[in-house]
Amino acid sequence: MAIVGGSSDITYDSRVPLNAGASGYLTKDSPPDQILEAIRRVAKGGRYVSPALAEKLLSRTLRPGRK
């Protein structure tokens, strides 16, 4: 179980650790409440991605080729 933090280019940086089995991903500027939520979810066996990453991943999935 691991939560990974990364840079602001979250769509690129997040894919590698998530595909490698990380349970969560946060950007380096995530606020404390998001960090605590990620820890809680992952500790219970869940997964967590920051809201900003979730939005970008969904937009890429639903509209490939757009940023």
C-alpha atoms as a PDB file:
ATOM      1  CA  MET A   1       0.000   0.000   0.000  1.00  0.00           C
ATOM      2  CA  ALA A   2       1.452   3.330  -1.073  1.00  0.00           C
ATOM      3  CA  ILE A   3       0.306   6.882  -1.687  1.00  0.00           C
ATOM      4  CA  VAL A   4       2.451   8.729  -4.198  1.00  0.00           C
ATOM      5  CA  GLY A   5       2.878  12.475  -4.546  1.00  0.00           C
ATOM      6  CA  GLY A   6       3.915  14.168  -7.741  1.00  0.00           C
ATOM      7  CA  SER A   7       4.244  17.333  -9.746  1.00  0.00           C
ATOM      8  CA  SER A   8       1.609  19.468 -11.366  1.00  0.00           C
ATOM      9  CA  ASP A   9       1.541  17.453 -14.638  1.00  0.00           C
ATOM     10  CA  ILE A  10      -0.674  14.955 -12.912  1.00  0.00           C
ATOM     11  CA  THR A  11      -2.073  13.112 -15.890  1.00  0.00           C
ATOM     12  CA  TYR A  12       1.398  12.035 -17.043  1.00  0.00           C
ATOM     13  CA  ASP A  13       3.086  11.605 -13.669  1.00  0.00           C
ATOM     14  CA  SER A  14       0.219   9.708 -12.075  1.00  0.00           C
ATOM     15  CA  ARG A  15      -0.067   6.891 -14.599  1.00  0.00           C
ATOM     16  CA  VAL A  16       3.222   5.192 -13.781  1.00  0.00           C
ATOM     17  CA  PRO A  17       2.767   4.732 -10.020  1.00  0.00           C
ATOM     18  CA  LEU A  18      -0.937   3.925 -10.334  1.00  0.00           C
ATOM     19  CA  ASN A  19      -0.241   1.301 -12.991  1.00  0.00           C
ATOM     20  CA  ALA A  20       2.528  -0.079 -10.780  1.00  0.00           C
ATOM     21  CA  GLY A  21       0.070  -0.633  -7.940  1.00  0.00           C
ATOM     22  CA  ALA A  22       0.068   2.553  -5.880  1.00  0.00           C
ATOM     23  CA  SER A  23      -3.130   2.886  -3.885  1.00  0.00           C
ATOM     24  CA  GLY A  24      -3.291   6.652  -4.140  1.00  0.00           C
ATOM     25  CA  TYR A  25      -1.947   9.732  -5.845  1.00  0.00           C
ATOM     26  CA  LEU A  26      -1.812  13.341  -4.665  1.00  0.00           C
ATOM     27  CA  THR A  27      -0.175  16.401  -6.146  1.00  0.00           C
ATOM     28  CA  LYS A  28       2.618  17.975  -4.140  1.00  0.00           C
ATOM     29  CA  ASP A  29       0.413  20.973  -3.383  1.00  0.00           C
ATOM     30  CA  SER A  30      -2.516  18.930  -2.023  1.00  0.00           C
ATOM     31  CA  PRO A  31      -4.089  20.517   1.051  1.00  0.00           C
ATOM     32  CA  PRO A  32      -3.841  18.728   4.411  1.00  0.00           C
ATOM     33  CA  ASP A  33      -7.488  17.612   4.354  1.00  0.00           C
ATOM     34  CA  GLN A  34      -6.919  15.731   1.070  1.00  0.00           C
ATOM     35  CA  ILE A  35      -3.793  14.097   2.445  1.00  0.00           C
ATOM     36  CA  LEU A  36      -5.665  12.906   5.526  1.00  0.00           C
ATOM     37  CA  GLU A  37      -8.562  11.614   3.402  1.00  0.00           C
ATOM     38  CA  ALA A  38      -6.124   9.702   1.192  1.00  0.00           C
ATOM     39  CA  ILE A  39      -4.451   8.119   4.216  1.00  0.00           C
ATOM     40  CA  ARG A  40      -7.810   7.105   5.706  1.00  0.00           C
ATOM     41  CA  ARG A  41      -9.106   5.543   2.490  1.00  0.00           C
ATOM     42  CA  VAL A  42      -5.902   3.689   1.699  1.00  0.00           C
ATOM     43  CA  ALA A  43      -5.591   2.452   5.294  1.00  0.00           C
ATOM     44  CA  LYS A  44      -9.059   0.907   4.916  1.00  0.00           C
ATOM     45  CA  GLY A  45      -7.964  -0.875   1.741  1.00  0.00           C
ATOM     46  CA  GLY A  46      -9.380   1.670  -0.690  1.00  0.00           C
ATOM     47  CA  ARG A  47      -7.843   3.848  -3.363  1.00  0.00           C
ATOM     48  CA  TYR A  48      -7.566   7.628  -3.620  1.00  0.00           C
ATOM     49  CA  VAL A  49      -6.775  10.128  -6.336  1.00  0.00           C
ATOM     50  CA  SER A  50      -6.984  13.859  -5.846  1.00  0.00           C
ATOM     51  CA  PRO A  51     -10.115  15.551  -7.200  1.00  0.00           C
ATOM     52  CA  ALA A  52      -7.995  17.444  -9.748  1.00  0.00           C
ATOM     53  CA  LEU A  53      -6.511  14.196 -11.051  1.00  0.00           C
ATOM     54  CA  ALA A  54      -9.895  12.475 -11.158  1.00  0.00           C
ATOM     55  CA  GLU A  55     -11.269  15.309 -13.282  1.00  0.00           C
ATOM     56  CA  LYS A  56      -8.349  15.226 -15.717  1.00  0.00           C
ATOM     57  CA  LEU A  57      -8.389  11.448 -16.012  1.00  0.00           C
ATOM     58  CA  LEU A  58     -12.127  11.447 -16.693  1.00  0.00           C
ATOM     59  CA  SER A  59     -11.879  14.175 -19.302  1.00  0.00           C
ATOM     60  CA  ARG A  60      -9.104  12.282 -21.072  1.00  0.00           C
ATOM     61  CA  THR A  61     -11.075   9.045 -20.928  1.00  0.00           C
ATOM     62  CA  LEU A  62     -14.286  10.601 -22.184  1.00  0.00           C
ATOM     63  CA  ARG A  63     -12.606  12.839 -24.782  1.00  0.00           C
ATOM     64  CA  PRO A  64      -9.301  11.246 -25.864  1.00  0.00           C
ATOM     65  CA  GLY A  65      -6.722  13.630 -27.253  1.00  0.00           C
ATOM     66  CA  ARG A  66      -7.937  16.672 -25.335  1.00  0.00           C
ATOM     67  CA  LYS A  67      -6.184  18.180 -22.355  1.00  0.00           C
END
